[in-house]
PDB file of all heavy atoms in Angstrom:
ATOM      1  N   SER A   1     -69.057 -75.752  17.837  1.00  0.00           N
ATOM      2  CA  SER A   1     -68.578 -74.579  18.541  1.00  0.00           C
ATOM      3  C   SER A   1     -69.772 -73.765  19.057  1.00  0.00           C
ATOM      4  O   SER A   1     -70.674 -73.481  18.284  1.00  0.00           O
ATOM      5  CB  SER A   1     -67.662 -73.765  17.587  1.00  0.00           C
ATOM      6  OG  SER A   1     -66.600 -74.447  17.139  1.00  0.00           O
ATOM      7  N   THR A   2     -69.701 -73.341  20.316  1.00  0.00           N
ATOM      8  CA  THR A   2     -70.869 -72.699  20.937  1.00  0.00           C
ATOM      9  C   THR A   2     -70.456 -71.529  21.817  1.00  0.00           C
ATOM     10  O   THR A   2     -69.308 -71.363  22.225  1.00  0.00           O
ATOM     11  CB  THR A   2     -71.639 -73.698  21.809  1.00  0.00           C
ATOM     12  OG1 THR A   2     -70.805 -74.141  22.888  1.00  0.00           O
ATOM     13  CG2 THR A   2     -72.178 -74.866  21.032  1.00  0.00           C
ATOM     14  N   GLY A   3     -71.471 -70.701  22.148  1.00  0.00           N
ATOM     15  CA  GLY A   3     -71.280 -69.582  22.986  1.00  0.00           C
ATOM     16  C   GLY A   3     -72.118 -69.738  24.254  1.00  0.00           C
ATOM     17  O   GLY A   3     -71.806 -70.507  25.121  1.00  0.00           O
ATOM     18  N   PHE A   4     -73.207 -69.008  24.351  1.00  0.00           N
ATOM     19  CA  PHE A   4     -74.050 -69.013  25.527  1.00  0.00           C
ATOM     20  C   PHE A   4     -74.573 -70.361  25.896  1.00  0.00           C
ATOM     21  O   PHE A   4     -75.067 -71.128  25.016  1.00  0.00           O
ATOM     22  CB  PHE A   4     -75.232 -68.071  25.328  1.00  0.00           C
ATOM     23  CG  PHE A   4     -76.276 -68.136  26.485  1.00  0.00           C
ATOM     24  CD1 PHE A   4     -76.037 -67.489  27.643  1.00  0.00           C
ATOM     25  CD2 PHE A   4     -77.388 -68.879  26.304  1.00  0.00           C
ATOM     26  CE1 PHE A   4     -76.946 -67.577  28.702  1.00  0.00           C
ATOM     27  CE2 PHE A   4     -78.335 -69.010  27.350  1.00  0.00           C
ATOM     28  CZ  PHE A   4     -78.123 -68.332  28.529  1.00  0.00           C
ATOM     29  N   SER A   5     -74.513 -70.708  27.124  1.00  0.00           N
ATOM     30  CA  SER A   5     -75.089 -71.939  27.718  1.00  0.00           C
ATOM     31  C   SER A   5     -75.283 -71.646  29.207  1.00  0.00           C
ATOM     32  O   SER A   5     -74.238 -71.498  29.909  1.00  0.00           O
ATOM     33  CB  SER A   5     -74.243 -73.120  27.487  1.00  0.00           C
ATOM     34  OG  SER A   5     -74.790 -74.256  28.059  1.00  0.00           O
ATOM     35  N   CYS A   6     -76.482 -71.611  29.701  1.00  0.00           N
ATOM     36  CA  CYS A   6     -76.739 -71.339  31.079  1.00  0.00           C
ATOM     37  C   CYS A   6     -76.407 -72.557  31.945  1.00  0.00           C
ATOM     38  O   CYS A   6     -77.237 -73.437  32.078  1.00  0.00           O
ATOM     39  CB  CYS A   6     -78.205 -70.880  31.281  1.00  0.00           C
ATOM     40  SG  CYS A   6     -78.475 -70.254  32.976  1.00  0.00           S
ATOM     41  N   ARG A   7     -75.164 -72.524  32.485  1.00  0.00           N
ATOM     42  CA  ARG A   7     -74.698 -73.673  33.225  1.00  0.00           C
ATOM     43  C   ARG A   7     -73.543 -73.349  34.161  1.00  0.00           C
ATOM     44  O   ARG A   7     -72.945 -72.256  34.047  1.00  0.00           O
ATOM     45  CB  ARG A   7     -74.202 -74.764  32.195  1.00  0.00           C
ATOM     46  CG  ARG A   7     -73.018 -74.265  31.326  1.00  0.00           C
ATOM     47  CD  ARG A   7     -72.531 -75.365  30.402  1.00  0.00           C
ATOM     48  NE  ARG A   7     -71.517 -75.006  29.546  1.00  0.00           N
ATOM     49  CZ  ARG A   7     -70.204 -74.915  29.789  1.00  0.00           C
ATOM     50  NH1 ARG A   7     -69.755 -75.187  31.011  1.00  0.00           N
ATOM     51  NH2 ARG A   7     -69.377 -74.592  28.828  1.00  0.00           N
ATOM     52  N   ASP A   8     -73.314 -74.259  35.094  1.00  0.00           N
ATOM     53  CA  ASP A   8     -72.111 -74.131  35.943  1.00  0.00           C
ATOM     54  C   ASP A   8     -70.895 -74.387  35.131  1.00  0.00           C
ATOM     55  O   ASP A   8     -70.917 -75.015  34.113  1.00  0.00           O
ATOM     56  CB  ASP A   8     -72.178 -75.143  37.096  1.00  0.00           C
ATOM     57  CG  ASP A   8     -73.259 -74.885  38.084  1.00  0.00           C
ATOM     58  OD1 ASP A   8     -73.630 -73.684  38.291  1.00  0.00           O
ATOM     59  OD2 ASP A   8     -73.758 -75.856  38.720  1.00  0.00           O
ATOM     60  N   ALA A   9     -69.782 -73.879  35.626  1.00  0.00           N
ATOM     61  CA  ALA A   9     -68.469 -74.194  35.018  1.00  0.00           C
ATOM     62  C   ALA A   9     -68.201 -75.655  35.255  1.00  0.00           C
ATOM     63  O   ALA A   9     -68.571 -76.263  36.232  1.00  0.00           O
ATOM     64  CB  ALA A   9     -67.377 -73.343  35.712  1.00  0.00           C
ATOM     65  N   VAL A  10     -67.548 -76.332  34.273  1.00  0.00           N
ATOM     66  CA  VAL A  10     -67.141 -77.707  34.394  1.00  0.00           C
ATOM     67  C   VAL A  10     -65.833 -77.724  35.139  1.00  0.00           C
ATOM     68  O   VAL A  10     -64.809 -77.264  34.623  1.00  0.00           O
ATOM     69  CB  VAL A  10     -66.980 -78.370  32.946  1.00  0.00           C
ATOM     70  CG1 VAL A  10     -66.473 -79.761  33.114  1.00  0.00           C
ATOM     71  CG2 VAL A  10     -68.263 -78.290  32.169  1.00  0.00           C
ATOM     72  N   ASN A  11     -65.867 -78.220  36.366  1.00  0.00           N
ATOM     73  CA  ASN A  11     -64.693 -78.138  37.244  1.00  0.00           C
ATOM     74  C   ASN A  11     -64.862 -79.177  38.310  1.00  0.00           C
ATOM     75  O   ASN A  11     -65.585 -78.956  39.307  1.00  0.00           O
ATOM     76  CB  ASN A  11     -64.585 -76.722  37.824  1.00  0.00           C
ATOM     77  CG  ASN A  11     -63.356 -76.605  38.713  1.00  0.00           C
ATOM     78  OD1 ASN A  11     -62.601 -77.518  38.858  1.00  0.00           O
ATOM     79  ND2 ASN A  11     -63.200 -75.437  39.281  1.00  0.00           N
ATOM     80  N   SER A  12     -64.300 -80.311  38.186  1.00  0.00           N
ATOM     81  CA  SER A  12     -64.506 -81.415  39.113  1.00  0.00           C
ATOM     82  C   SER A  12     -63.858 -81.164  40.507  1.00  0.00           C
ATOM     83  O   SER A  12     -64.214 -81.857  41.476  1.00  0.00           O
ATOM     84  CB  SER A  12     -64.010 -82.758  38.518  1.00  0.00           C
ATOM     85  OG  SER A  12     -62.601 -82.678  38.355  1.00  0.00           O
ATOM     86  N   ASP A  13     -62.863 -80.318  40.613  1.00  0.00           N
ATOM     87  CA  ASP A  13     -62.169 -80.180  41.908  1.00  0.00           C
ATOM     88  C   ASP A  13     -62.384 -78.876  42.605  1.00  0.00           C
ATOM     89  O   ASP A  13     -61.610 -78.536  43.515  1.00  0.00           O
ATOM     90  CB  ASP A  13     -60.682 -80.539  41.705  1.00  0.00           C
ATOM     91  CG  ASP A  13     -59.959 -79.532  40.792  1.00  0.00           C
ATOM     92  OD1 ASP A  13     -60.631 -78.739  40.158  1.00  0.00           O
ATOM     93  OD2 ASP A  13     -58.722 -79.606  40.727  1.00  0.00           O
ATOM     94  N   GLY A  14     -63.258 -78.037  42.135  1.00  0.00           N
ATOM     95  CA  GLY A  14     -63.450 -76.713  42.807  1.00  0.00           C
ATOM     96  C   GLY A  14     -64.897 -76.488  43.149  1.00  0.00           C
ATOM     97  O   GLY A  14     -65.757 -77.321  42.847  1.00  0.00           O
ATOM     98  N   PRO A  15     -65.130 -75.370  43.762  1.00  0.00           N
ATOM     99  CA  PRO A  15     -66.528 -75.076  44.145  1.00  0.00           C
ATOM    100  C   PRO A  15     -67.403 -74.766  42.959  1.00  0.00           C
ATOM    101  O   PRO A  15     -66.880 -74.304  41.874  1.00  0.00           O
ATOM    102  CB  PRO A  15     -66.419 -73.862  45.016  1.00  0.00           C
ATOM    103  CG  PRO A  15     -65.127 -73.221  44.577  1.00  0.00           C
ATOM    104  CD  PRO A  15     -64.236 -74.338  44.160  1.00  0.00           C
ATOM    105  N   LYS A  16     -68.733 -75.007  43.062  1.00  0.00           N
ATOM    106  CA  LYS A  16     -69.636 -74.672  41.931  1.00  0.00           C
ATOM    107  C   LYS A  16     -69.648 -73.182  41.689  1.00  0.00           C
ATOM    108  O   LYS A  16     -69.588 -72.381  42.657  1.00  0.00           O
ATOM    109  CB  LYS A  16     -71.007 -75.147  42.214  1.00  0.00           C
ATOM    110  CG  LYS A  16     -71.192 -76.616  42.024  1.00  0.00           C
ATOM    111  CD  LYS A  16     -72.651 -76.939  41.927  1.00  0.00           C
ATOM    112  CE  LYS A  16     -72.721 -78.399  41.431  1.00  0.00           C
ATOM    113  NZ  LYS A  16     -73.983 -78.664  40.729  1.00  0.00           N
ATOM    114  N   SER A  17     -69.607 -72.816  40.456  1.00  0.00           N
ATOM    115  CA  SER A  17     -69.708 -71.398  40.097  1.00  0.00           C
ATOM    116  C   SER A  17     -70.262 -71.344  38.646  1.00  0.00           C
ATOM    117  O   SER A  17     -70.173 -72.331  37.930  1.00  0.00           O
ATOM    118  CB  SER A  17     -68.309 -70.756  40.057  1.00  0.00           C
ATOM    119  OG  SER A  17     -67.457 -71.386  39.158  1.00  0.00           O
ATOM    120  N   TRP A  18     -70.822 -70.204  38.284  1.00  0.00           N
ATOM    121  CA  TRP A  18     -71.347 -70.071  36.958  1.00  0.00           C
ATOM    122  C   TRP A  18     -70.237 -70.024  35.954  1.00  0.00           C
ATOM    123  O   TRP A  18     -69.190 -69.406  36.153  1.00  0.00           O
ATOM    124  CB  TRP A  18     -72.132 -68.787  36.793  1.00  0.00           C
ATOM    125  CG  TRP A  18     -73.490 -68.791  37.436  1.00  0.00           C
ATOM    126  CD1 TRP A  18     -73.861 -68.140  38.603  1.00  0.00           C
ATOM    127  CD2 TRP A  18     -74.640 -69.506  37.034  1.00  0.00           C
ATOM    128  NE1 TRP A  18     -75.145 -68.406  38.901  1.00  0.00           N
ATOM    129  CE2 TRP A  18     -75.689 -69.248  37.931  1.00  0.00           C
ATOM    130  CE3 TRP A  18     -74.934 -70.389  35.985  1.00  0.00           C
ATOM    131  CZ2 TRP A  18     -76.943 -69.801  37.819  1.00  0.00           C
ATOM    132  CZ3 TRP A  18     -76.158 -70.937  35.825  1.00  0.00           C
ATOM    133  CH2 TRP A  18     -77.165 -70.651  36.771  1.00  0.00           C
ATOM    134  N   SER A  19     -70.481 -70.700  34.834  1.00  0.00           N
ATOM    135  CA  SER A  19     -69.510 -70.605  33.722  1.00  0.00           C
ATOM    136  C   SER A  19     -69.635 -69.260  33.059  1.00  0.00           C
ATOM    137  O   SER A  19     -70.661 -68.612  33.111  1.00  0.00           O
ATOM    138  CB  SER A  19     -69.874 -71.702  32.698  1.00  0.00           C
ATOM    139  OG  SER A  19     -69.222 -71.486  31.423  1.00  0.00           O
ATOM    140  N   GLN A  20     -68.560 -68.779  32.440  1.00  0.00           N
ATOM    141  CA  GLN A  20     -68.613 -67.564  31.637  1.00  0.00           C
ATOM    142  C   GLN A  20     -69.605 -67.683  30.460  1.00  0.00           C
ATOM    143  O   GLN A  20     -70.158 -66.779  29.992  1.00  0.00           O
ATOM    144  CB  GLN A  20     -67.265 -67.185  31.161  1.00  0.00           C
ATOM    145  CG  GLN A  20     -66.392 -66.638  32.256  1.00  0.00           C
ATOM    146  CD  GLN A  20     -66.972 -65.382  32.884  1.00  0.00           C
ATOM    147  OE1 GLN A  20     -67.168 -64.340  32.259  1.00  0.00           O
ATOM    148  NE2 GLN A  20     -67.305 -65.488  34.163  1.00  0.00           N
ATOM    149  N   HIS A  21     -69.912 -68.990  30.104  1.00  0.00           N
ATOM    150  CA  HIS A  21     -70.882 -69.206  29.017  1.00  0.00           C
ATOM    151  C   HIS A  21     -72.265 -68.833  29.525  1.00  0.00           C
ATOM    152  O   HIS A  21     -73.100 -68.401  28.752  1.00  0.00           O
ATOM    153  CB  HIS A  21     -70.918 -70.712  28.693  1.00  0.00           C
ATOM    154  CG  HIS A  21     -69.702 -71.186  27.985  1.00  0.00           C
ATOM    155  ND1 HIS A  21     -69.535 -70.970  26.560  1.00  0.00           N
ATOM    156  CD2 HIS A  21     -68.563 -71.807  28.351  1.00  0.00           C
ATOM    157  CE1 HIS A  21     -68.351 -71.437  26.199  1.00  0.00           C
ATOM    158  NE2 HIS A  21     -67.793 -72.021  27.319  1.00  0.00           N
ATOM    159  N   ALA A  22     -72.544 -68.904  30.849  1.00  0.00           N
ATOM    160  CA  ALA A  22     -73.852 -68.559  31.348  1.00  0.00           C
ATOM    161  C   ALA A  22     -74.125 -67.026  31.305  1.00  0.00           C
ATOM    162  O   ALA A  22     -75.213 -66.603  31.251  1.00  0.00           O
ATOM    163  CB  ALA A  22     -73.980 -68.962  32.787  1.00  0.00           C
ATOM    164  N   TYR A  23     -72.979 -66.274  31.178  1.00  0.00           N
ATOM    165  CA  TYR A  23     -73.133 -64.810  30.996  1.00  0.00           C
ATOM    166  C   TYR A  23     -73.052 -64.370  29.526  1.00  0.00           C
ATOM    167  O   TYR A  23     -73.072 -63.189  29.220  1.00  0.00           O
ATOM    168  CB  TYR A  23     -72.023 -64.120  31.782  1.00  0.00           C
ATOM    169  CG  TYR A  23     -72.093 -64.419  33.281  1.00  0.00           C
ATOM    170  CD1 TYR A  23     -71.147 -65.284  33.852  1.00  0.00           C
ATOM    171  CD2 TYR A  23     -73.049 -63.836  34.104  1.00  0.00           C
ATOM    172  CE1 TYR A  23     -71.228 -65.529  35.176  1.00  0.00           C
ATOM    173  CE2 TYR A  23     -73.080 -64.104  35.481  1.00  0.00           C
ATOM    174  CZ  TYR A  23     -72.164 -64.966  36.046  1.00  0.00           C
ATOM    175  OH  TYR A  23     -72.228 -65.257  37.324  1.00  0.00           O
ATOM    176  N   GLY A  24     -72.851 -65.354  28.630  1.00  0.00           N
ATOM    177  CA  GLY A  24     -72.678 -65.040  27.198  1.00  0.00           C
ATOM    178  C   GLY A  24     -71.349 -64.434  26.877  1.00  0.00           C
ATOM    179  O   GLY A  24     -71.204 -63.707  25.905  1.00  0.00           O
ATOM    180  N   LYS A  25     -70.370 -64.699  27.728  1.00  0.00           N
ATOM    181  CA  LYS A  25     -69.082 -64.034  27.577  1.00  0.00           C
ATOM    182  C   LYS A  25     -67.977 -65.057  27.350  1.00  0.00           C
ATOM    183  O   LYS A  25     -66.788 -64.887  27.693  1.00  0.00           O
ATOM    184  CB  LYS A  25     -68.766 -63.204  28.821  1.00  0.00           C
ATOM    185  CG  LYS A  25     -69.698 -62.006  28.929  1.00  0.00           C
ATOM    186  CD  LYS A  25     -69.382 -61.136  30.140  1.00  0.00           C
ATOM    187  CE  LYS A  25     -70.225 -59.910  30.127  1.00  0.00           C
ATOM    188  NZ  LYS A  25     -69.907 -59.011  31.262  1.00  0.00           N
ATOM    189  N   ALA A  26     -68.351 -66.218  26.742  1.00  0.00           N
ATOM    190  CA  ALA A  26     -67.405 -67.250  26.419  1.00  0.00           C
ATOM    191  C   ALA A  26     -67.792 -67.979  25.175  1.00  0.00           C
ATOM    192  O   ALA A  26     -68.985 -68.113  24.859  1.00  0.00           O
ATOM    193  CB  ALA A  26     -67.190 -68.204  27.617  1.00  0.00           C
ATOM    194  N   ILE A  27     -66.848 -68.454  24.448  1.00  0.00           N
ATOM    195  CA  ILE A  27     -67.037 -69.299  23.226  1.00  0.00           C
ATOM    196  C   ILE A  27     -66.113 -70.463  23.228  1.00  0.00           C
ATOM    197  O   ILE A  27     -64.904 -70.291  23.560  1.00  0.00           O
ATOM    198  CB  ILE A  27     -66.863 -68.448  21.981  1.00  0.00           C
ATOM    199  CG1 ILE A  27     -67.889 -67.286  21.891  1.00  0.00           C
ATOM    200  CG2 ILE A  27     -66.985 -69.329  20.718  1.00  0.00           C
ATOM    201  CD1 ILE A  27     -67.668 -66.333  20.763  1.00  0.00           C
ATOM    202  N   ASP A  28     -66.604 -71.638  22.938  1.00  0.00           N
ATOM    203  CA  ASP A  28     -65.783 -72.834  22.733  1.00  0.00           C
ATOM    204  C   ASP A  28     -65.642 -73.130  21.250  1.00  0.00           C
ATOM    205  O   ASP A  28     -66.670 -73.212  20.605  1.00  0.00           O
ATOM    206  CB  ASP A  28     -66.347 -74.060  23.442  1.00  0.00           C
ATOM    207  CG  ASP A  28     -66.281 -73.961  24.972  1.00  0.00           C
ATOM    208  OD1 ASP A  28     -65.530 -73.163  25.507  1.00  0.00           O
ATOM    209  OD2 ASP A  28     -67.018 -74.739  25.643  1.00  0.00           O
ATOM    210  N   ILE A  29     -64.437 -73.292  20.761  1.00  0.00           N
ATOM    211  CA  ILE A  29     -64.187 -73.540  19.370  1.00  0.00           C
ATOM    212  C   ILE A  29     -63.604 -74.954  19.125  1.00  0.00           C
ATOM    213  O   ILE A  29     -62.590 -75.330  19.747  1.00  0.00           O
ATOM    214  CB  ILE A  29     -63.264 -72.526  18.758  1.00  0.00           C
ATOM    215  CG1 ILE A  29     -63.703 -71.074  19.023  1.00  0.00           C
ATOM    216  CG2 ILE A  29     -62.982 -72.710  17.316  1.00  0.00           C
ATOM    217  CD1 ILE A  29     -64.938 -70.628  18.232  1.00  0.00           C
ATOM    218  N   ASN A  30     -64.172 -75.708  18.197  1.00  0.00           N
ATOM    219  CA  ASN A  30     -63.719 -77.025  17.800  1.00  0.00           C
ATOM    220  C   ASN A  30     -63.342 -77.864  19.040  1.00  0.00           C
ATOM    221  O   ASN A  30     -62.177 -78.209  19.254  1.00  0.00           O
ATOM    222  CB  ASN A  30     -62.461 -76.899  16.898  1.00  0.00           C
ATOM    223  CG  ASN A  30     -62.711 -76.177  15.572  1.00  0.00           C
ATOM    224  OD1 ASN A  30     -63.833 -76.145  15.120  1.00  0.00           O
ATOM    225  ND2 ASN A  30     -61.678 -75.706  14.999  1.00  0.00           N
ATOM    226  N   PRO A  31     -64.363 -78.278  19.798  1.00  0.00           N
ATOM    227  CA  PRO A  31     -64.069 -78.995  21.076  1.00  0.00           C
ATOM    228  C   PRO A  31     -63.327 -80.368  20.912  1.00  0.00           C
ATOM    229  O   PRO A  31     -62.615 -80.753  21.812  1.00  0.00           O
ATOM    230  CB  PRO A  31     -65.426 -79.189  21.682  1.00  0.00           C
ATOM    231  CG  PRO A  31     -66.417 -78.904  20.650  1.00  0.00           C
ATOM    232  CD  PRO A  31     -65.785 -78.027  19.657  1.00  0.00           C
ATOM    233  N   ILE A  32     -63.530 -81.016  19.742  1.00  0.00           N
ATOM    234  CA  ILE A  32     -62.732 -82.239  19.615  1.00  0.00           C
ATOM    235  C   ILE A  32     -61.252 -81.969  19.366  1.00  0.00           C
ATOM    236  O   ILE A  32     -60.418 -82.570  20.014  1.00  0.00           O
ATOM    237  CB  ILE A  32     -63.356 -83.092  18.463  1.00  0.00           C
ATOM    238  CG1 ILE A  32     -64.740 -83.581  18.855  1.00  0.00           C
ATOM    239  CG2 ILE A  32     -62.416 -84.250  18.068  1.00  0.00           C
ATOM    240  CD1 ILE A  32     -65.508 -84.326  17.803  1.00  0.00           C
ATOM    241  N   GLU A  33     -61.001 -81.026  18.506  1.00  0.00           N
ATOM    242  CA  GLU A  33     -59.584 -80.705  18.207  1.00  0.00           C
ATOM    243  C   GLU A  33     -58.923 -79.960  19.409  1.00  0.00           C
ATOM    244  O   GLU A  33     -57.725 -79.888  19.494  1.00  0.00           O
ATOM    245  CB  GLU A  33     -59.408 -79.867  16.923  1.00  0.00           C
ATOM    246  CG  GLU A  33     -59.765 -80.578  15.724  1.00  0.00           C
ATOM    247  CD  GLU A  33     -61.325 -80.704  15.447  1.00  0.00           C
ATOM    248  OE1 GLU A  33     -62.086 -80.106  16.170  1.00  0.00           O
ATOM    249  OE2 GLU A  33     -61.609 -81.439  14.493  1.00  0.00           O
ATOM    250  N   ASN A  34     -59.797 -79.374  20.286  1.00  0.00           N
ATOM    251  CA  ASN A  34     -59.311 -78.548  21.421  1.00  0.00           C
ATOM    252  C   ASN A  34     -60.030 -78.956  22.677  1.00  0.00           C
ATOM    253  O   ASN A  34     -60.784 -78.225  23.274  1.00  0.00           O
ATOM    254  CB  ASN A  34     -59.559 -77.076  21.091  1.00  0.00           C
ATOM    255  CG  ASN A  34     -58.860 -76.674  19.824  1.00  0.00           C
ATOM    256  OD1 ASN A  34     -57.646 -76.776  19.772  1.00  0.00           O
ATOM    257  ND2 ASN A  34     -59.626 -76.303  18.829  1.00  0.00           N
TER     258      ASN A  34
END
């Protein structure tokens, strides 16, 4: 489970944009289960 990561949003069908992780305003929890 992680928070900050300076990266684009993962989005295969939309325009490139910064992920909320790049701003330190997002957290992913248990990525395998979720």
